Amino acid sequence: MHIDETPWSVKGVKEWLWVIANKDFCLFQATDTRSRAELEAILGTEYNGVLSSDDYSVYNGYNVKAQQKCLAHLRL
């Protein structure tokens, strides 16, 4: 599963749009923060699969079967 979060402005206030996708679906979730609490509210406290993400600290240490870091982000 691929996951990412990006800022967006809602009436001048910074919010976060999370995107979770795999070959079968794409979920968009609007939240107030980009914290671990938001990640766990969306996916639960653990995920029994492979999670593909950038190297943002929220994903590091998350209880997941395996992680794949985005290679484009790792080049920077």
N, C-alpha and C. Protein backbone atom coordinates (compact mmCIF):
# COMPACT_ATOMS: atom_id res chain seq x y z
N MET A 1 0.85 -1.15 0.00
CA MET A 1 0.00 0.00 0.00
C MET A 1 0.90 1.23 0.00
N HIS A 2 0.52 2.23 -0.78
CA HIS A 2 1.26 3.48 -0.86
C HIS A 2 0.53 4.52 -0.01
N ILE A 3 1.32 5.33 0.70
CA ILE A 3 0.72 6.35 1.56
C ILE A 3 1.55 7.64 1.50
N ASP A 4 0.85 8.76 1.55
CA ASP A 4 1.52 10.05 1.59
C ASP A 4 0.55 11.08 2.14
N GLU A 5 1.10 12.17 2.64
CA GLU A 5 0.28 13.26 3.15
C GLU A 5 0.85 14.56 2.59
N THR A 6 -0.03 15.49 2.30
CA THR A 6 0.41 16.76 1.73
C THR A 6 -0.43 17.90 2.31
N PRO A 7 0.19 19.06 2.50
CA PRO A 7 -0.59 20.19 3.04
C PRO A 7 -1.53 20.77 2.00
N TRP A 8 -2.62 21.32 2.49
CA TRP A 8 -3.55 22.06 1.64
C TRP A 8 -4.25 23.10 2.50
N SER A 9 -4.68 24.16 1.89
CA SER A 9 -5.29 25.26 2.62
C SER A 9 -6.81 25.15 2.56
N VAL A 10 -7.42 25.23 3.74
CA VAL A 10 -8.88 25.25 3.84
C VAL A 10 -9.26 26.56 4.52
N LYS A 11 -9.80 27.48 3.73
CA LYS A 11 -10.16 28.82 4.23
C LYS A 11 -8.98 29.48 4.94
N GLY A 12 -7.78 29.32 4.37
CA GLY A 12 -6.59 29.95 4.91
C GLY A 12 -5.91 29.19 6.04
N VAL A 13 -6.46 28.04 6.43
CA VAL A 13 -5.89 27.24 7.52
C VAL A 13 -5.20 26.03 6.91
N LYS A 14 -3.98 25.74 7.37
CA LYS A 14 -3.24 24.58 6.86
C LYS A 14 -3.85 23.29 7.39
N GLU A 15 -4.25 22.44 6.49
CA GLU A 15 -4.78 21.11 6.79
C GLU A 15 -3.90 20.10 6.07
N TRP A 16 -4.18 18.82 6.25
CA TRP A 16 -3.39 17.76 5.62
C TRP A 16 -4.30 16.80 4.89
N LEU A 17 -3.93 16.46 3.68
CA LEU A 17 -4.66 15.49 2.89
C LEU A 17 -3.80 14.23 2.79
N TRP A 18 -4.28 13.16 3.37
CA TRP A 18 -3.61 11.86 3.32
C TRP A 18 -4.17 11.09 2.13
N VAL A 19 -3.30 10.38 1.44
CA VAL A 19 -3.70 9.53 0.32
C VAL A 19 -3.14 8.14 0.57
N ILE A 20 -4.02 7.16 0.56
CA ILE A 20 -3.65 5.76 0.75
C ILE A 20 -4.19 5.01 -0.46
N ALA A 21 -3.30 4.27 -1.15
CA ALA A 21 -3.74 3.62 -2.39
C ALA A 21 -3.01 2.30 -2.60
N ASN A 22 -3.70 1.41 -3.27
CA ASN A 22 -3.08 0.19 -3.80
C ASN A 22 -3.75 -0.07 -5.15
N LYS A 23 -3.58 -1.27 -5.69
CA LYS A 23 -4.13 -1.54 -7.02
C LYS A 23 -5.66 -1.59 -7.04
N ASP A 24 -6.29 -1.73 -5.86
CA ASP A 24 -7.74 -1.89 -5.80
C ASP A 24 -8.52 -0.64 -5.37
N PHE A 25 -7.86 0.31 -4.70
CA PHE A 25 -8.60 1.47 -4.21
C PHE A 25 -7.67 2.66 -3.98
N CYS A 26 -8.29 3.81 -3.78
CA CYS A 26 -7.57 5.03 -3.39
C CYS A 26 -8.45 5.75 -2.37
N LEU A 27 -7.89 6.01 -1.19
CA LEU A 27 -8.60 6.68 -0.11
C LEU A 27 -7.98 8.05 0.13
N PHE A 28 -8.81 9.08 0.20
CA PHE A 28 -8.37 10.41 0.57
C PHE A 28 -8.96 10.71 1.95
N GLN A 29 -8.12 11.19 2.87
CA GLN A 29 -8.57 11.51 4.22
C GLN A 29 -8.04 12.90 4.59
N ALA A 30 -8.92 13.84 4.88
CA ALA A 30 -8.52 15.17 5.31
C ALA A 30 -8.39 15.19 6.83
N THR A 31 -7.27 15.74 7.33
CA THR A 31 -7.03 15.78 8.77
C THR A 31 -6.45 17.13 9.17
N ASP A 32 -6.40 17.36 10.48
CA ASP A 32 -5.83 18.60 11.01
C ASP A 32 -4.31 18.55 11.13
N THR A 33 -3.74 17.34 11.26
CA THR A 33 -2.30 17.20 11.48
C THR A 33 -1.75 16.08 10.59
N ARG A 34 -0.44 15.92 10.63
CA ARG A 34 0.20 14.80 9.95
C ARG A 34 0.91 13.91 10.97
N SER A 35 0.29 13.72 12.11
CA SER A 35 0.88 13.00 13.23
C SER A 35 0.66 11.49 13.13
N ARG A 36 1.35 10.75 13.97
CA ARG A 36 1.18 9.29 14.07
C ARG A 36 -0.25 8.95 14.43
N ALA A 37 -0.88 9.77 15.25
CA ALA A 37 -2.28 9.54 15.64
C ALA A 37 -3.19 9.51 14.40
N GLU A 38 -2.93 10.38 13.45
CA GLU A 38 -3.72 10.40 12.21
C GLU A 38 -3.49 9.12 11.41
N LEU A 39 -2.22 8.72 11.29
CA LEU A 39 -1.89 7.48 10.58
C LEU A 39 -2.61 6.29 11.22
N GLU A 40 -2.57 6.19 12.53
CA GLU A 40 -3.21 5.08 13.23
C GLU A 40 -4.73 5.15 13.16
N ALA A 41 -5.29 6.34 13.08
CA ALA A 41 -6.74 6.48 12.93
C ALA A 41 -7.18 5.96 11.56
N ILE A 42 -6.32 6.10 10.57
CA ILE A 42 -6.64 5.65 9.21
C ILE A 42 -6.38 4.16 9.04
N LEU A 43 -5.18 3.70 9.43
CA LEU A 43 -4.77 2.30 9.18
C LEU A 43 -4.86 1.39 10.40
N GLY A 44 -5.04 1.95 11.58
CA GLY A 44 -4.98 1.15 12.80
C GLY A 44 -3.58 1.20 13.37
N THR A 45 -3.38 0.54 14.50
CA THR A 45 -2.07 0.60 15.16
C THR A 45 -1.03 -0.29 14.51
N GLU A 46 -1.46 -1.15 13.60
CA GLU A 46 -0.51 -1.97 12.85
C GLU A 46 -1.10 -2.32 11.49
N TYR A 47 -0.19 -2.64 10.55
CA TYR A 47 -0.61 -3.00 9.20
C TYR A 47 0.16 -4.25 8.80
N ASN A 48 -0.55 -5.30 8.43
CA ASN A 48 0.07 -6.59 8.11
C ASN A 48 0.34 -6.69 6.61
N GLY A 49 1.10 -5.76 6.11
CA GLY A 49 1.45 -5.74 4.70
C GLY A 49 2.67 -4.87 4.48
N VAL A 50 2.92 -4.53 3.23
CA VAL A 50 4.05 -3.67 2.88
C VAL A 50 3.54 -2.25 2.71
N LEU A 51 4.15 -1.33 3.41
CA LEU A 51 3.78 0.07 3.35
C LEU A 51 4.86 0.84 2.61
N SER A 52 4.48 1.49 1.52
CA SER A 52 5.42 2.28 0.72
C SER A 52 5.19 3.75 1.04
N SER A 53 6.25 4.44 1.49
CA SER A 53 6.12 5.83 1.91
C SER A 53 7.43 6.58 1.70
N ASP A 54 7.37 7.91 1.93
CA ASP A 54 8.60 8.66 1.99
C ASP A 54 9.23 8.40 3.36
N ASP A 55 10.27 9.13 3.70
CA ASP A 55 10.99 8.86 4.96
C ASP A 55 10.54 9.77 6.09
N TYR A 56 9.31 10.29 6.00
CA TYR A 56 8.79 11.13 7.07
C TYR A 56 8.72 10.31 8.37
N SER A 57 9.08 10.93 9.48
CA SER A 57 9.24 10.22 10.75
C SER A 57 8.00 9.48 11.24
N VAL A 58 6.80 9.91 10.84
CA VAL A 58 5.57 9.24 11.26
C VAL A 58 5.58 7.76 10.85
N TYR A 59 6.17 7.45 9.70
CA TYR A 59 6.18 6.09 9.19
C TYR A 59 7.28 5.23 9.81
N ASN A 60 8.35 5.87 10.26
CA ASN A 60 9.45 5.13 10.87
C ASN A 60 9.03 4.62 12.24
N GLY A 61 9.14 3.33 12.44
CA GLY A 61 8.73 2.73 13.71
C GLY A 61 7.27 2.32 13.77
N TYR A 62 6.50 2.65 12.73
CA TYR A 62 5.10 2.21 12.69
C TYR A 62 5.09 0.69 12.58
N ASN A 63 4.21 0.04 13.32
CA ASN A 63 4.16 -1.42 13.36
C ASN A 63 3.58 -1.97 12.06
N VAL A 64 4.46 -2.41 11.17
CA VAL A 64 4.08 -2.86 9.84
C VAL A 64 4.93 -4.09 9.49
N LYS A 65 4.37 -4.97 8.67
CA LYS A 65 5.11 -6.18 8.29
C LYS A 65 6.41 -5.83 7.57
N ALA A 66 6.36 -4.88 6.63
CA ALA A 66 7.55 -4.43 5.91
C ALA A 66 7.32 -3.02 5.39
N GLN A 67 8.42 -2.28 5.22
CA GLN A 67 8.32 -0.93 4.67
C GLN A 67 9.20 -0.81 3.43
N GLN A 68 8.70 -0.09 2.46
CA GLN A 68 9.47 0.27 1.28
C GLN A 68 9.50 1.79 1.23
N LYS A 69 10.69 2.35 1.30
CA LYS A 69 10.83 3.80 1.23
C LYS A 69 10.88 4.22 -0.24
N CYS A 70 10.30 5.35 -0.53
CA CYS A 70 10.28 5.90 -1.88
C CYS A 70 11.71 6.17 -2.33
N LEU A 71 12.13 5.56 -3.42
CA LEU A 71 13.50 5.70 -3.89
C LEU A 71 13.81 7.12 -4.33
N ALA A 72 12.85 7.83 -4.89
CA ALA A 72 13.08 9.22 -5.28
C ALA A 72 13.38 10.09 -4.06
N HIS A 73 12.70 9.84 -2.96
CA HIS A 73 12.96 10.60 -1.74
C HIS A 73 14.32 10.24 -1.15
N LEU A 74 14.72 9.00 -1.25
CA LEU A 74 16.00 8.59 -0.67
C LEU A 74 17.18 9.20 -1.41
N ARG A 75 17.01 9.56 -2.69
CA ARG A 75 18.08 10.16 -3.47
C ARG A 75 18.44 11.55 -2.98
N LEU A 76 17.50 12.24 -2.35
CA LEU A 76 17.73 13.64 -1.94
C LEU A 76 18.65 13.74 -0.78
